[in-house]
């Protein structure tokens, strides 16, 4: 059984590791980033029809300004994000499990939405809604990461930025990319990791469940061969 490396920031990394181990996988957390809250001010809530949340980190890092927005319905990507929003006092209007583009395509196209997210967020493709973006956190790269454990393992990539950063630190550490298998949450994340790996595959849908299924399949595939 190949080792699974979970590279997303905490606390998401530990949650994914726990779920991976429940599937019988040998999983360890090796976060490439750490989450850092940003100072921000909540705009006038009456100017919007809802809050768009694409990561639970936006709720965890939102702080006191979130209180001024609780009257707005929340549109959340992922069950973890929806649960965090509920705990923060928001009513959930819709939850999407296949990425922000699919979620926006399933709701009223004329909504005015306030998107609270990380400063490196990807703008939704083809959204018809009027979306105002406010960064409430940043993912800060961690230095001096011991990446030797990725050699011979399956690395779970949760974002394009993580794919690119993993490639950089693997190369700078002198590790042969051919010793690492990439399981990416999306084709965009897979492409960002670049070439030269033992294998690179993207999950069928951009969520943690599908990524875990992919990681398990890649582990079993290697074991079978």
Protein backbone atom coordinates (compact mmCIF):
# COMPACT_ATOMS: atom_id res chain seq x y z
CA UNK A 1 0.00 0.00 0.00
CA UNK A 2 1.42 3.37 -1.03
CA UNK A 3 1.59 6.18 1.51
CA UNK A 4 -0.89 9.06 0.97
CA UNK A 5 0.39 12.59 1.61
CA UNK A 6 -2.26 15.21 2.42
CA UNK A 7 -0.83 18.61 1.52
CA UNK A 8 -3.75 20.96 2.25
CA UNK A 9 -3.56 23.43 5.19
CA UNK A 10 -4.80 22.62 8.67
CA UNK A 11 -7.38 21.96 9.97
CA UNK A 12 -8.47 20.47 6.66
CA UNK A 13 -5.35 18.30 6.43
CA UNK A 14 -6.11 16.42 9.65
CA UNK A 15 -9.75 15.97 8.64
CA UNK A 16 -8.73 14.46 5.30
CA UNK A 17 -6.12 12.24 6.96
CA UNK A 18 -8.77 10.90 9.34
CA UNK A 19 -11.12 10.11 6.46
CA UNK A 20 -8.31 8.52 4.45
CA UNK A 21 -7.36 6.28 7.36
CA UNK A 22 -11.00 5.26 7.73
CA UNK A 23 -10.70 3.93 4.17
CA UNK A 24 -7.70 1.84 5.20
CA UNK A 25 -5.09 4.14 3.68
CA UNK A 26 -1.75 4.97 5.27
CA UNK A 27 -2.09 8.75 5.35
CA UNK A 28 -0.04 11.55 6.86
CA UNK A 29 -0.48 15.31 6.86
CA UNK A 30 2.22 17.44 5.24
CA UNK A 31 0.64 20.92 4.87
CA UNK A 32 2.33 23.13 2.29
CA UNK A 33 0.48 26.25 3.51
CA UNK A 34 -0.83 27.78 6.70
CA UNK A 35 -3.97 29.88 6.89
CA UNK A 36 -3.63 33.49 8.03
CA UNK A 37 -6.67 35.77 8.64
CA UNK A 38 -6.79 39.15 6.91
CA UNK A 39 -8.29 42.35 8.26
CA UNK A 40 -11.50 43.31 6.45
CA UNK A 41 -14.70 45.29 6.89
CA UNK A 42 -18.13 43.96 6.06
CA UNK A 43 -19.98 45.98 3.39
CA UNK A 44 -23.62 46.93 3.76
CA UNK A 45 -25.55 43.66 3.80
CA UNK A 46 -28.57 45.19 2.07
CA UNK A 47 -26.47 45.57 -1.10
CA UNK A 48 -26.39 41.76 -1.57
CA UNK A 49 -28.74 38.82 -1.97
CA UNK A 50 -26.42 36.31 -0.39
CA UNK A 51 -22.92 35.29 0.67
CA UNK A 52 -20.85 32.94 -1.50
CA UNK A 53 -18.50 30.71 0.50
CA UNK A 54 -16.08 28.42 -1.33
CA UNK A 55 -14.00 27.37 1.68
CA UNK A 56 -14.66 26.79 5.36
CA UNK A 57 -11.51 28.86 5.99
CA UNK A 58 -13.46 31.98 5.02
CA UNK A 59 -15.83 31.34 7.92
CA UNK A 60 -13.09 30.33 10.36
CA UNK A 61 -11.09 33.46 9.54
CA UNK A 62 -13.97 35.87 9.01
CA UNK A 63 -14.12 37.05 12.61
CA UNK A 64 -16.48 39.72 13.94
CA UNK A 65 -17.42 41.29 10.56
CA UNK A 66 -19.36 38.10 9.75
CA UNK A 67 -21.95 39.10 12.35
CA UNK A 68 -23.11 41.95 10.13
CA UNK A 69 -23.85 39.52 7.29
CA UNK A 70 -25.73 36.77 9.12
CA UNK A 71 -29.05 37.92 7.70
CA UNK A 72 -27.92 36.94 4.22
CA UNK A 73 -28.43 33.38 2.94
CA UNK A 74 -25.21 31.48 2.29
CA UNK A 75 -24.31 29.59 -0.87
CA UNK A 76 -21.62 27.10 0.11
CA UNK A 77 -19.25 24.85 -1.82
CA UNK A 78 -18.86 21.61 0.13
CA UNK A 79 -20.52 20.16 3.20
CA UNK A 80 -17.66 21.26 5.48
CA UNK A 81 -18.11 24.86 4.33
CA UNK A 82 -21.87 24.67 4.82
CA UNK A 83 -21.46 23.24 8.32
CA UNK A 84 -19.00 25.97 9.29
CA UNK A 85 -21.42 28.60 7.97
CA UNK A 86 -24.30 27.13 9.98
CA UNK A 87 -22.19 27.17 13.13
CA UNK A 88 -21.43 30.85 12.43
CA UNK A 89 -25.15 31.63 12.30
CA UNK A 90 -25.88 31.58 8.55
CA UNK A 91 -28.86 29.95 6.90
CA UNK A 92 -27.75 27.77 3.97
CA UNK A 93 -29.60 28.49 0.73
CA UNK A 94 -27.70 25.96 -1.38
CA UNK A 95 -24.76 23.58 -1.07
CA UNK A 96 -22.72 22.40 -4.03
CA UNK A 97 -20.41 19.39 -4.07
CA UNK A 98 -18.99 19.78 -7.58
CA UNK A 99 -17.20 23.12 -7.37
CA UNK A 100 -18.19 26.76 -7.47
CA UNK A 101 -18.98 26.85 -11.19
CA UNK A 102 -21.56 24.08 -10.88
CA UNK A 103 -23.08 25.71 -7.80
CA UNK A 104 -23.47 29.08 -9.49
CA UNK A 105 -24.96 27.41 -12.53
CA UNK A 106 -27.69 25.89 -10.36
CA UNK A 107 -28.94 29.08 -8.65
CA UNK A 108 -30.66 32.33 -9.69
CA UNK A 109 -28.41 33.92 -12.35
CA UNK A 110 -29.31 37.46 -11.27
CA UNK A 111 -28.27 37.27 -7.64
CA UNK A 112 -25.88 39.80 -6.16
CA UNK A 113 -23.39 37.78 -4.13
CA UNK A 114 -20.62 38.70 -1.72
CA UNK A 115 -17.77 36.20 -2.16
CA UNK A 116 -15.67 35.80 0.99
CA UNK A 117 -12.59 33.72 0.21
CA UNK A 118 -8.81 33.51 0.23
CA UNK A 119 -6.81 36.17 -1.59
CA UNK A 120 -5.63 33.60 -4.16
CA UNK A 121 -9.11 32.46 -5.07
CA UNK A 122 -9.95 31.52 -8.66
CA UNK A 123 -12.67 33.70 -10.18
CA UNK A 124 -15.70 31.58 -11.20
CA UNK A 125 -15.92 30.77 -14.90
CA UNK A 126 -18.91 32.10 -16.81
CA UNK A 127 -20.83 33.30 -13.75
CA UNK A 128 -23.89 35.40 -14.59
CA UNK A 129 -24.36 36.58 -11.02
CA UNK A 130 -22.95 39.92 -9.90
CA UNK A 131 -20.16 38.83 -7.56
CA UNK A 132 -18.19 41.12 -5.25
CA UNK A 133 -15.01 39.53 -3.89
CA UNK A 134 -13.48 40.33 -0.49
CA UNK A 135 -10.39 38.38 0.69
CA UNK A 136 -10.63 37.39 4.35
CA UNK A 137 -7.63 35.07 4.59
CA UNK A 138 -4.44 34.08 2.82
CA UNK A 139 -2.67 30.74 2.42
CA UNK A 140 0.93 31.40 3.38
CA UNK A 141 3.59 29.02 2.09
CA UNK A 142 5.45 27.10 4.77
CA UNK A 143 9.22 27.12 4.55
CA UNK A 144 11.68 24.33 5.33
CA UNK A 145 9.19 21.54 4.61
CA UNK A 146 10.74 18.08 4.77
CA UNK A 147 9.25 16.60 1.60
CA UNK A 148 11.31 13.40 1.58
CA UNK A 149 8.21 11.46 2.63
CA UNK A 150 6.49 12.17 -0.69
CA UNK A 151 8.97 9.91 -2.50
CA UNK A 152 7.21 6.61 -3.14
CA UNK A 153 3.83 8.05 -2.16
CA UNK A 154 0.60 9.47 -3.57
CA UNK A 155 0.42 13.24 -3.08
CA UNK A 156 -3.10 14.70 -2.78
CA UNK A 157 -3.21 18.12 -4.46
CA UNK A 158 -6.16 20.30 -3.41
CA UNK A 159 -5.40 23.37 -5.53
CA UNK A 160 -3.37 24.57 -8.54
CA UNK A 161 -1.16 26.59 -6.22
CA UNK A 162 -0.38 23.48 -4.17
CA UNK A 163 0.51 21.57 -7.33
CA UNK A 164 2.95 24.25 -8.45
CA UNK A 165 4.51 24.65 -5.01
CA UNK A 166 4.95 20.90 -4.56
CA UNK A 167 6.79 20.75 -7.87
CA UNK A 168 9.06 23.59 -6.82
CA UNK A 169 10.05 22.12 -3.46
CA UNK A 170 10.40 18.57 -4.79
CA UNK A 171 12.76 19.81 -7.50
CA UNK A 172 14.75 21.98 -5.10
CA UNK A 173 15.07 19.02 -2.69
CA UNK A 174 16.58 16.81 -5.39
CA UNK A 175 13.71 14.29 -5.28
CA UNK A 176 12.99 12.49 -8.55
CA UNK A 177 9.48 13.37 -9.70
CA UNK A 178 9.20 9.85 -11.08
CA UNK A 179 9.01 8.62 -7.48
CA UNK A 180 5.79 10.56 -6.78
CA UNK A 181 2.20 9.94 -7.90
CA UNK A 182 -0.12 12.97 -8.08
CA UNK A 183 -3.83 12.77 -7.22
CA UNK A 184 -5.28 16.20 -8.04
CA UNK A 185 -8.66 17.65 -7.11
CA UNK A 186 -9.14 19.09 -10.61
CA UNK A 187 -7.56 19.06 -14.04
CA UNK A 188 -6.38 22.61 -13.40
CA UNK A 189 -4.55 21.46 -10.27
CA UNK A 190 -3.07 18.51 -12.15
CA UNK A 191 -1.79 20.78 -14.91
CA UNK A 192 -0.23 23.17 -12.39
CA UNK A 193 1.85 20.32 -10.97
CA UNK A 194 3.60 20.00 -14.31
CA UNK A 195 5.11 16.93 -15.96
CA UNK A 196 7.60 14.24 -15.04
CA UNK A 197 5.70 12.53 -12.19
CA UNK A 198 5.18 8.77 -11.99
CA UNK A 199 1.50 9.43 -12.73
CA UNK A 200 -0.87 12.41 -12.62
CA UNK A 201 -4.65 12.00 -12.46
CA UNK A 202 -7.51 14.35 -11.61
CA UNK A 203 -10.62 13.54 -9.56
CA UNK A 204 -13.90 13.09 -11.42
CA UNK A 205 -15.45 15.96 -9.47
CA UNK A 206 -13.60 18.74 -7.60
CA UNK A 207 -14.26 17.74 -3.99
CA UNK A 208 -12.49 15.89 -1.20
CA UNK A 209 -14.63 12.75 -1.47
CA UNK A 210 -13.78 12.25 -5.14
CA UNK A 211 -10.12 13.01 -4.44
CA UNK A 212 -10.00 10.35 -1.73
CA UNK A 213 -11.56 7.83 -4.11
CA UNK A 214 -8.87 8.67 -6.66
CA UNK A 215 -6.06 8.42 -4.10
CA UNK A 216 -7.32 5.03 -2.96
CA UNK A 217 -7.56 3.78 -6.55
CA UNK A 218 -4.03 4.92 -7.30
CA UNK A 219 -2.73 3.17 -4.17
CA UNK A 220 -4.52 -0.05 -5.10
CA UNK A 221 -3.35 0.21 -8.72
CA UNK A 222 0.27 0.46 -7.64
CA UNK A 223 -0.17 -2.39 -5.17
CA UNK A 224 -1.73 -4.60 -7.86
CA UNK A 225 1.18 -4.01 -10.24
